[in-house]
Amino acid sequence: PSQEKCPLCGSKLEIGGPLWAGIINDKKALI
């Protein structure tokens, strides 16, 4: 997004990515 300020306090956000935003562990697979 173009907005890079914290939605809670308005401070500047540190941003990382692009990255995987989905699950990284499948519970069934772990079992």
Full PDB file with SEQRES, HELIX, SHEET, SSBOND, CRYST1, ORIGX, SCALE, CONECT and MASTER records, all heavy atoms in Angstrom:
SEQRES   1 A   31  PRO SER GLN GLU LYS CYS PRO LEU CYS GLY SER LYS LEU          
SEQRES   2 A   31  GLU ILE GLY GLY PRO LEU TRP ALA GLY ILE ILE ASN ASP          
SEQRES   3 A   31  LYS LYS ALA LEU ILE                                          
HELIX    1 AA1 LYS A   27  LEU A   30  1                                   4    
CRYST1    1.000    1.000    1.000  90.00  90.00  90.00 P 1           1          
ORIGX1      1.000000  0.000000  0.000000        0.00000                         
ORIGX2      0.000000  1.000000  0.000000        0.00000                         
ORIGX3      0.000000  0.000000  1.000000        0.00000                         
SCALE1      1.000000  0.000000  0.000000        0.00000                         
SCALE2      0.000000  1.000000  0.000000        0.00000                         
SCALE3      0.000000  0.000000  1.000000        0.00000                         
ATOM      1  N   PRO A   1       0.826  -1.211   0.000  1.00  0.00           N  
ATOM      2  CA  PRO A   1       0.000   0.000   0.000  1.00  0.00           C  
ATOM      3  C   PRO A   1       0.859   1.259   0.000  1.00  0.00           C  
ATOM      4  O   PRO A   1       2.017   1.236   0.407  1.00  0.00           O  
ATOM      5  CB  PRO A   1      -0.787  -0.130   1.313  1.00  0.00           C  
ATOM      6  CG  PRO A   1       0.120  -0.914   2.207  1.00  0.00           C  
ATOM      7  CD  PRO A   1       0.838  -1.884   1.304  1.00  0.00           C  
ATOM      8  N   SER A   2       0.279   2.338  -0.433  1.00  0.00           N  
ATOM      9  CA  SER A   2       1.013   3.605  -0.453  1.00  0.00           C  
ATOM     10  C   SER A   2       1.153   4.184   0.959  1.00  0.00           C  
ATOM     11  O   SER A   2       2.088   4.922   1.247  1.00  0.00           O  
ATOM     12  CB  SER A   2       0.282   4.615  -1.352  1.00  0.00           C  
ATOM     13  OG  SER A   2      -1.054   4.801  -0.903  1.00  0.00           O  
ATOM     14  N   GLN A   3       0.207   3.837   1.849  1.00  0.00           N  
ATOM     15  CA  GLN A   3       0.260   4.314   3.228  1.00  0.00           C  
ATOM     16  C   GLN A   3       1.281   3.514   4.013  1.00  0.00           C  
ATOM     17  O   GLN A   3       1.166   2.293   4.125  1.00  0.00           O  
ATOM     18  CB  GLN A   3      -1.118   4.180   3.890  1.00  0.00           C  
ATOM     19  CG  GLN A   3      -1.178   4.645   5.339  1.00  0.00           C  
ATOM     20  CD  GLN A   3      -0.998   6.147   5.475  1.00  0.00           C  
ATOM     21  OE1 GLN A   3      -1.236   6.882   4.533  1.00  0.00           O  
ATOM     22  NE2 GLN A   3      -0.577   6.596   6.636  1.00  0.00           N  
ATOM     23  N   GLU A   4       2.299   4.165   4.547  1.00  0.00           N  
ATOM     24  CA  GLU A   4       3.351   3.467   5.265  1.00  0.00           C  
ATOM     25  C   GLU A   4       3.436   3.921   6.713  1.00  0.00           C  
ATOM     26  O   GLU A   4       4.501   3.901   7.320  1.00  0.00           O  
ATOM     27  CB  GLU A   4       4.698   3.655   4.559  1.00  0.00           C  
ATOM     28  CG  GLU A   4       4.732   3.041   3.163  1.00  0.00           C  
ATOM     29  CD  GLU A   4       6.117   3.070   2.533  1.00  0.00           C  
ATOM     30  OE1 GLU A   4       7.050   3.513   3.224  1.00  0.00           O  
ATOM     31  OE2 GLU A   4       6.250   2.654   1.386  1.00  0.00           O  
ATOM     32  N   LYS A   5       2.287   4.325   7.288  1.00  0.00           N  
ATOM     33  CA  LYS A   5       2.262   4.754   8.681  1.00  0.00           C  
ATOM     34  C   LYS A   5       1.489   3.758   9.530  1.00  0.00           C  
ATOM     35  O   LYS A   5       0.541   3.133   9.059  1.00  0.00           O  
ATOM     36  CB  LYS A   5       1.645   6.147   8.799  1.00  0.00           C  
ATOM     37  CG  LYS A   5       2.517   7.250   8.200  1.00  0.00           C  
ATOM     38  CD  LYS A   5       1.941   8.628   8.469  1.00  0.00           C  
ATOM     39  CE  LYS A   5       2.857   9.718   7.929  1.00  0.00           C  
ATOM     40  NZ  LYS A   5       2.303  11.076   8.198  1.00  0.00           N  
ATOM     41  N   CYS A   6       1.888   3.611  10.766  1.00  0.00           N  
ATOM     42  CA  CYS A   6       1.254   2.677  11.693  1.00  0.00           C  
ATOM     43  C   CYS A   6      -0.216   3.045  11.893  1.00  0.00           C  
ATOM     44  O   CYS A   6      -0.524   4.210  12.191  1.00  0.00           O  
ATOM     45  CB  CYS A   6       1.985   2.691  13.025  1.00  0.00           C  
ATOM     46  SG  CYS A   6       1.216   1.658  14.300  1.00  0.00           S  
ATOM     47  N   PRO A   7      -1.133   2.066  11.766  1.00  0.00           N  
ATOM     48  CA  PRO A   7      -2.553   2.363  11.950  1.00  0.00           C  
ATOM     49  C   PRO A   7      -2.914   2.657  13.405  1.00  0.00           C  
ATOM     50  O   PRO A   7      -3.984   3.187  13.675  1.00  0.00           O  
ATOM     51  CB  PRO A   7      -3.248   1.088  11.464  1.00  0.00           C  
ATOM     52  CG  PRO A   7      -2.240   0.012  11.658  1.00  0.00           C  
ATOM     53  CD  PRO A   7      -0.918   0.653  11.392  1.00  0.00           C  
ATOM     54  N   LEU A   8      -2.010   2.343  14.345  1.00  0.00           N  
ATOM     55  CA  LEU A   8      -2.304   2.571  15.765  1.00  0.00           C  
ATOM     56  C   LEU A   8      -1.754   3.892  16.279  1.00  0.00           C  
ATOM     57  O   LEU A   8      -2.439   4.625  16.983  1.00  0.00           O  
ATOM     58  CB  LEU A   8      -1.730   1.419  16.614  1.00  0.00           C  
ATOM     59  CG  LEU A   8      -2.271   0.021  16.314  1.00  0.00           C  
ATOM     60  CD1 LEU A   8      -1.660  -0.984  17.275  1.00  0.00           C  
ATOM     61  CD2 LEU A   8      -3.795  -0.001  16.426  1.00  0.00           C  
ATOM     62  N   CYS A   9      -0.489   4.218  15.911  1.00  0.00           N  
ATOM     63  CA  CYS A   9       0.120   5.418  16.493  1.00  0.00           C  
ATOM     64  C   CYS A   9       0.586   6.430  15.444  1.00  0.00           C  
ATOM     65  O   CYS A   9       1.014   7.537  15.804  1.00  0.00           O  
ATOM     66  CB  CYS A   9       1.298   5.036  17.396  1.00  0.00           C  
ATOM     67  SG  CYS A   9       2.739   4.403  16.497  1.00  0.00           S  
ATOM     68  N   GLY A  10       0.520   6.045  14.160  1.00  0.00           N  
ATOM     69  CA  GLY A  10       0.895   6.974  13.109  1.00  0.00           C  
ATOM     70  C   GLY A  10       2.377   7.067  12.819  1.00  0.00           C  
ATOM     71  O   GLY A  10       2.800   7.842  11.953  1.00  0.00           O  
ATOM     72  N   SER A  11       3.194   6.290  13.537  1.00  0.00           N  
ATOM     73  CA  SER A  11       4.637   6.305  13.289  1.00  0.00           C  
ATOM     74  C   SER A  11       4.958   5.587  11.981  1.00  0.00           C  
ATOM     75  O   SER A  11       4.147   4.820  11.453  1.00  0.00           O  
ATOM     76  CB  SER A  11       5.381   5.632  14.446  1.00  0.00           C  
ATOM     77  OG  SER A  11       5.156   6.312  15.656  1.00  0.00           O  
ATOM     78  N   LYS A  12       6.164   5.784  11.483  1.00  0.00           N  
ATOM     79  CA  LYS A  12       6.581   5.145  10.241  1.00  0.00           C  
ATOM     80  C   LYS A  12       6.736   3.645  10.458  1.00  0.00           C  
ATOM     81  O   LYS A  12       7.281   3.201  11.463  1.00  0.00           O  
ATOM     82  CB  LYS A  12       7.892   5.743   9.747  1.00  0.00           C  
ATOM     83  CG  LYS A  12       8.347   5.204   8.380  1.00  0.00           C  
ATOM     84  CD  LYS A  12       9.591   5.916   7.900  1.00  0.00           C  
ATOM     85  CE  LYS A  12      10.102   5.339   6.589  1.00  0.00           C  
ATOM     86  NZ  LYS A  12       9.131   5.468   5.493  1.00  0.00           N  
ATOM     87  N   LEU A  13       6.241   2.847   9.497  1.00  0.00           N  
ATOM     88  CA  LEU A  13       6.326   1.393   9.579  1.00  0.00           C  
ATOM     89  C   LEU A  13       7.586   0.888   8.894  1.00  0.00           C  
ATOM     90  O   LEU A  13       8.018   1.423   7.874  1.00  0.00           O  
ATOM     91  CB  LEU A  13       5.114   0.748   8.897  1.00  0.00           C  
ATOM     92  CG  LEU A  13       3.773   0.833   9.612  1.00  0.00           C  
ATOM     93  CD1 LEU A  13       2.669   0.333   8.682  1.00  0.00           C  
ATOM     94  CD2 LEU A  13       3.776   0.027  10.898  1.00  0.00           C  
ATOM     95  N   GLU A  14       8.178  -0.146   9.486  1.00  0.00           N  
ATOM     96  CA  GLU A  14       9.213  -0.916   8.795  1.00  0.00           C  
ATOM     97  C   GLU A  14       8.492  -1.981   7.974  1.00  0.00           C  
ATOM     98  O   GLU A  14       7.593  -2.655   8.479  1.00  0.00           O  
ATOM     99  CB  GLU A  14      10.168  -1.568   9.789  1.00  0.00           C  
ATOM    100  CG  GLU A  14      11.292  -2.345   9.126  1.00  0.00           C  
ATOM    101  CD  GLU A  14      12.207  -3.022  10.124  1.00  0.00           C  
ATOM    102  OE1 GLU A  14      12.028  -2.820  11.340  1.00  0.00           O  
ATOM    103  OE2 GLU A  14      13.093  -3.783   9.675  1.00  0.00           O  
ATOM    104  N   ILE A  15       8.857  -2.134   6.706  1.00  0.00           N  
ATOM    105  CA  ILE A  15       8.143  -3.037   5.808  1.00  0.00           C  
ATOM    106  C   ILE A  15       9.112  -4.050   5.209  1.00  0.00           C  
ATOM    107  O   ILE A  15      10.206  -3.690   4.755  1.00  0.00           O  
ATOM    108  CB  ILE A  15       7.430  -2.255   4.682  1.00  0.00           C  
ATOM    109  CG1 ILE A  15       6.450  -1.250   5.282  1.00  0.00           C  
ATOM    110  CG2 ILE A  15       6.714  -3.212   3.733  1.00  0.00           C  
ATOM    111  CD1 ILE A  15       5.788  -0.346   4.268  1.00  0.00           C  
ATOM    112  N   GLY A  16       8.710  -5.316   5.217  1.00  0.00           N  
ATOM    113  CA  GLY A  16       9.503  -6.376   4.625  1.00  0.00           C  
ATOM    114  C   GLY A  16       8.709  -7.121   3.573  1.00  0.00           C  
ATOM    115  O   GLY A  16       7.511  -7.329   3.705  1.00  0.00           O  
ATOM    116  N   GLY A  17       9.378  -7.539   2.497  1.00  0.00           N  
ATOM    117  CA  GLY A  17       8.697  -8.298   1.467  1.00  0.00           C  
ATOM    118  C   GLY A  17       9.048  -7.812   0.066  1.00  0.00           C  
ATOM    119  O   GLY A  17       9.936  -6.968  -0.092  1.00  0.00           O  
ATOM    120  N   PRO A  18       8.363  -8.391  -0.929  1.00  0.00           N  
ATOM    121  CA  PRO A  18       7.229  -9.307  -0.810  1.00  0.00           C  
ATOM    122  C   PRO A  18       7.644 -10.637  -0.197  1.00  0.00           C  
ATOM    123  O   PRO A  18       8.787 -11.054  -0.293  1.00  0.00           O  
ATOM    124  CB  PRO A  18       6.774  -9.481  -2.271  1.00  0.00           C  
ATOM    125  CG  PRO A  18       7.993  -9.197  -3.083  1.00  0.00           C  
ATOM    126  CD  PRO A  18       8.725  -8.127  -2.348  1.00  0.00           C  
ATOM    127  N   LEU A  19       6.665 -11.303   0.443  1.00  0.00           N  
ATOM    128  CA  LEU A  19       6.911 -12.558   1.127  1.00  0.00           C  
ATOM    129  C   LEU A  19       5.659 -13.424   1.083  1.00  0.00           C  
ATOM    130  O   LEU A  19       4.612 -13.017   0.584  1.00  0.00           O  
ATOM    131  CB  LEU A  19       7.367 -12.309   2.571  1.00  0.00           C  
ATOM    132  CG  LEU A  19       6.642 -11.270   3.439  1.00  0.00           C  
ATOM    133  CD1 LEU A  19       5.238 -11.694   3.790  1.00  0.00           C  
ATOM    134  CD2 LEU A  19       7.429 -10.976   4.692  1.00  0.00           C  
ATOM    135  N   TRP A  20       5.776 -14.626   1.618  1.00  0.00           N  
ATOM    136  CA  TRP A  20       4.651 -15.560   1.671  1.00  0.00           C  
ATOM    137  C   TRP A  20       3.766 -15.206   2.860  1.00  0.00           C  
ATOM    138  O   TRP A  20       4.213 -15.211   4.006  1.00  0.00           O  
ATOM    139  CB  TRP A  20       5.167 -16.990   1.809  1.00  0.00           C  
ATOM    140  CG  TRP A  20       4.091 -18.035   1.847  1.00  0.00           C  
ATOM    141  CD1 TRP A  20       3.700 -18.777   2.921  1.00  0.00           C  
ATOM    142  CD2 TRP A  20       3.286 -18.477   0.745  1.00  0.00           C  
ATOM    143  NE1 TRP A  20       2.699 -19.657   2.575  1.00  0.00           N  
ATOM    144  CE2 TRP A  20       2.422 -19.489   1.236  1.00  0.00           C  
ATOM    145  CE3 TRP A  20       3.208 -18.108  -0.595  1.00  0.00           C  
ATOM    146  CZ2 TRP A  20       1.498 -20.125   0.419  1.00  0.00           C  
ATOM    147  CZ3 TRP A  20       2.287 -18.753  -1.407  1.00  0.00           C  
ATOM    148  CH2 TRP A  20       1.442 -19.749  -0.903  1.00  0.00           C  
ATOM    149  N   ALA A  21       2.507 -14.881   2.589  1.00  0.00           N  
ATOM    150  CA  ALA A  21       1.584 -14.471   3.651  1.00  0.00           C  
ATOM    151  C   ALA A  21       0.620 -15.584   4.042  1.00  0.00           C  
ATOM    152  O   ALA A  21      -0.233 -15.389   4.906  1.00  0.00           O  
ATOM    153  CB  ALA A  21       0.794 -13.240   3.199  1.00  0.00           C  
ATOM    154  N   GLY A  22       0.743 -16.750   3.401  1.00  0.00           N  
ATOM    155  CA  GLY A  22      -0.121 -17.889   3.734  1.00  0.00           C  
ATOM    156  C   GLY A  22       0.433 -18.686   4.894  1.00  0.00           C  
ATOM    157  O   GLY A  22       1.377 -18.276   5.572  1.00  0.00           O  
ATOM    158  N   ILE A  23      -0.152 -19.864   5.132  1.00  0.00           N  
ATOM    159  CA  ILE A  23       0.316 -20.693   6.241  1.00  0.00           C  
ATOM    160  C   ILE A  23       1.698 -21.253   5.922  1.00  0.00           C  
ATOM    161  O   ILE A  23       2.026 -21.511   4.757  1.00  0.00           O  
ATOM    162  CB  ILE A  23      -0.663 -21.840   6.577  1.00  0.00           C  
ATOM    163  CG1 ILE A  23      -0.712 -22.872   5.435  1.00  0.00           C  
ATOM    164  CG2 ILE A  23      -2.042 -21.316   6.892  1.00  0.00           C  
ATOM    165  CD1 ILE A  23      -1.347 -24.179   5.841  1.00  0.00           C  
ATOM    166  N   ILE A  24       2.512 -21.443   6.949  1.00  0.00           N  
ATOM    167  CA  ILE A  24       3.851 -21.995   6.754  1.00  0.00           C  
ATOM    168  C   ILE A  24       4.006 -23.356   7.440  1.00  0.00           C  
ATOM    169  O   ILE A  24       5.063 -23.982   7.323  1.00  0.00           O  
ATOM    170  CB  ILE A  24       4.944 -21.024   7.235  1.00  0.00           C  
ATOM    171  CG1 ILE A  24       4.792 -20.698   8.716  1.00  0.00           C  
ATOM    172  CG2 ILE A  24       4.916 -19.745   6.403  1.00  0.00           C  
ATOM    173  CD1 ILE A  24       5.945 -19.865   9.283  1.00  0.00           C  
ATOM    174  N   ASN A  25       2.949 -23.800   8.139  1.00  0.00           N  
ATOM    175  CA  ASN A  25       2.938 -25.129   8.742  1.00  0.00           C  
ATOM    176  C   ASN A  25       1.534 -25.708   8.682  1.00  0.00           C  
ATOM    177  O   ASN A  25       0.573 -25.058   9.097  1.00  0.00           O  
ATOM    178  CB  ASN A  25       3.431 -25.082  10.195  1.00  0.00           C  
ATOM    179  CG  ASN A  25       4.935 -24.960  10.289  1.00  0.00           C  
ATOM    180  OD1 ASN A  25       5.672 -25.873   9.940  1.00  0.00           O  
ATOM    181  ND2 ASN A  25       5.407 -23.812  10.754  1.00  0.00           N  
ATOM    182  N   ASP A  26       1.448 -26.929   8.150  1.00  0.00           N  
ATOM    183  CA  ASP A  26       0.174 -27.632   8.038  1.00  0.00           C  
ATOM    184  C   ASP A  26       0.054 -28.589   9.227  1.00  0.00           C  
ATOM    185  O   ASP A  26       0.865 -29.503   9.377  1.00  0.00           O  
ATOM    186  CB  ASP A  26       0.142 -28.410   6.722  1.00  0.00           C  
ATOM    187  CG  ASP A  26      -1.176 -29.124   6.484  1.00  0.00           C  
ATOM    188  OD1 ASP A  26      -1.768 -29.641   7.451  1.00  0.00           O  
ATOM    189  OD2 ASP A  26      -1.620 -29.182   5.324  1.00  0.00           O  
ATOM    190  N   LYS A  27      -0.940 -28.376  10.073  1.00  0.00           N  
ATOM    191  CA  LYS A  27      -1.090 -29.174  11.295  1.00  0.00           C  
ATOM    192  C   LYS A  27      -1.207 -30.663  10.999  1.00  0.00           C  
ATOM    193  O   LYS A  27      -0.655 -31.505  11.703  1.00  0.00           O  
ATOM    194  CB  LYS A  27      -2.315 -28.695  12.082  1.00  0.00           C  
ATOM    195  CG  LYS A  27      -2.229 -27.271  12.597  1.00  0.00           C  
ATOM    196  CD  LYS A  27      -1.174 -27.123  13.681  1.00  0.00           C  
ATOM    197  CE  LYS A  27      -1.194 -25.715  14.271  1.00  0.00           C  
ATOM    198  NZ  LYS A  27      -0.171 -25.543  15.332  1.00  0.00           N  
ATOM    199  N   LYS A  28      -1.941 -31.029   9.937  1.00  0.00           N  
ATOM    200  CA  LYS A  28      -2.100 -32.448   9.594  1.00  0.00           C  
ATOM    201  C   LYS A  28      -0.764 -33.064   9.204  1.00  0.00           C  
ATOM    202  O   LYS A  28      -0.454 -34.198   9.564  1.00  0.00           O  
ATOM    203  CB  LYS A  28      -3.116 -32.601   8.460  1.00  0.00           C  
ATOM    204  CG  LYS A  28      -4.546 -32.280   8.865  1.00  0.00           C  
ATOM    205  CD  LYS A  28      -5.513 -32.492   7.701  1.00  0.00           C  
ATOM    206  CE  LYS A  28      -6.943 -32.183   8.119  1.00  0.00           C  
ATOM    207  NZ  LYS A  28      -7.895 -32.357   6.979  1.00  0.00           N  
ATOM    208  N   ALA A  29       0.033 -32.306   8.463  1.00  0.00           N  
ATOM    209  CA  ALA A  29       1.349 -32.800   8.065  1.00  0.00           C  
ATOM    210  C   ALA A  29       2.250 -32.986   9.278  1.00  0.00           C  
ATOM    211  O   ALA A  29       2.984 -33.982   9.386  1.00  0.00           O  
ATOM    212  CB  ALA A  29       1.995 -31.838   7.072  1.00  0.00           C  
ATOM    213  N   LEU A  30       2.195 -32.051  10.215  1.00  0.00           N  
ATOM    214  CA  LEU A  30       3.021 -32.142  11.426  1.00  0.00           C  
ATOM    215  C   LEU A  30       2.673 -33.382  12.238  1.00  0.00           C  
ATOM    216  O   LEU A  30       3.561 -34.079  12.753  1.00  0.00           O  
ATOM    217  CB  LEU A  30       2.848 -30.885  12.271  1.00  0.00           C  
ATOM    218  CG  LEU A  30       3.334 -29.572  11.650  1.00  0.00           C  
ATOM    219  CD1 LEU A  30       2.960 -28.394  12.536  1.00  0.00           C  
ATOM    220  CD2 LEU A  30       4.847 -29.605  11.416  1.00  0.00           C  
ATOM    221  N   ILE A  31       1.390 -33.680  12.354  1.00  0.00           N  
ATOM    222  CA  ILE A  31       0.955 -34.869  13.096  1.00  0.00           C  
ATOM    223  C   ILE A  31       1.498 -36.127  12.438  1.00  0.00           C  
ATOM    224  O   ILE A  31       1.991 -37.048  13.111  1.00  0.00           O  
ATOM    225  CB  ILE A  31      -0.581 -34.914  13.190  1.00  0.00           C  
ATOM    226  CG1 ILE A  31      -1.094 -33.778  14.087  1.00  0.00           C  
ATOM    227  CG2 ILE A  31      -1.059 -36.269  13.727  1.00  0.00           C  
ATOM    228  CD1 ILE A  31      -2.596 -33.585  14.049  1.00  0.00           C  
TER     229      ILE A  31                                                      
MASTER        0    0    0    1    0    0    0    6  228    1    0    3          
END                                                                             
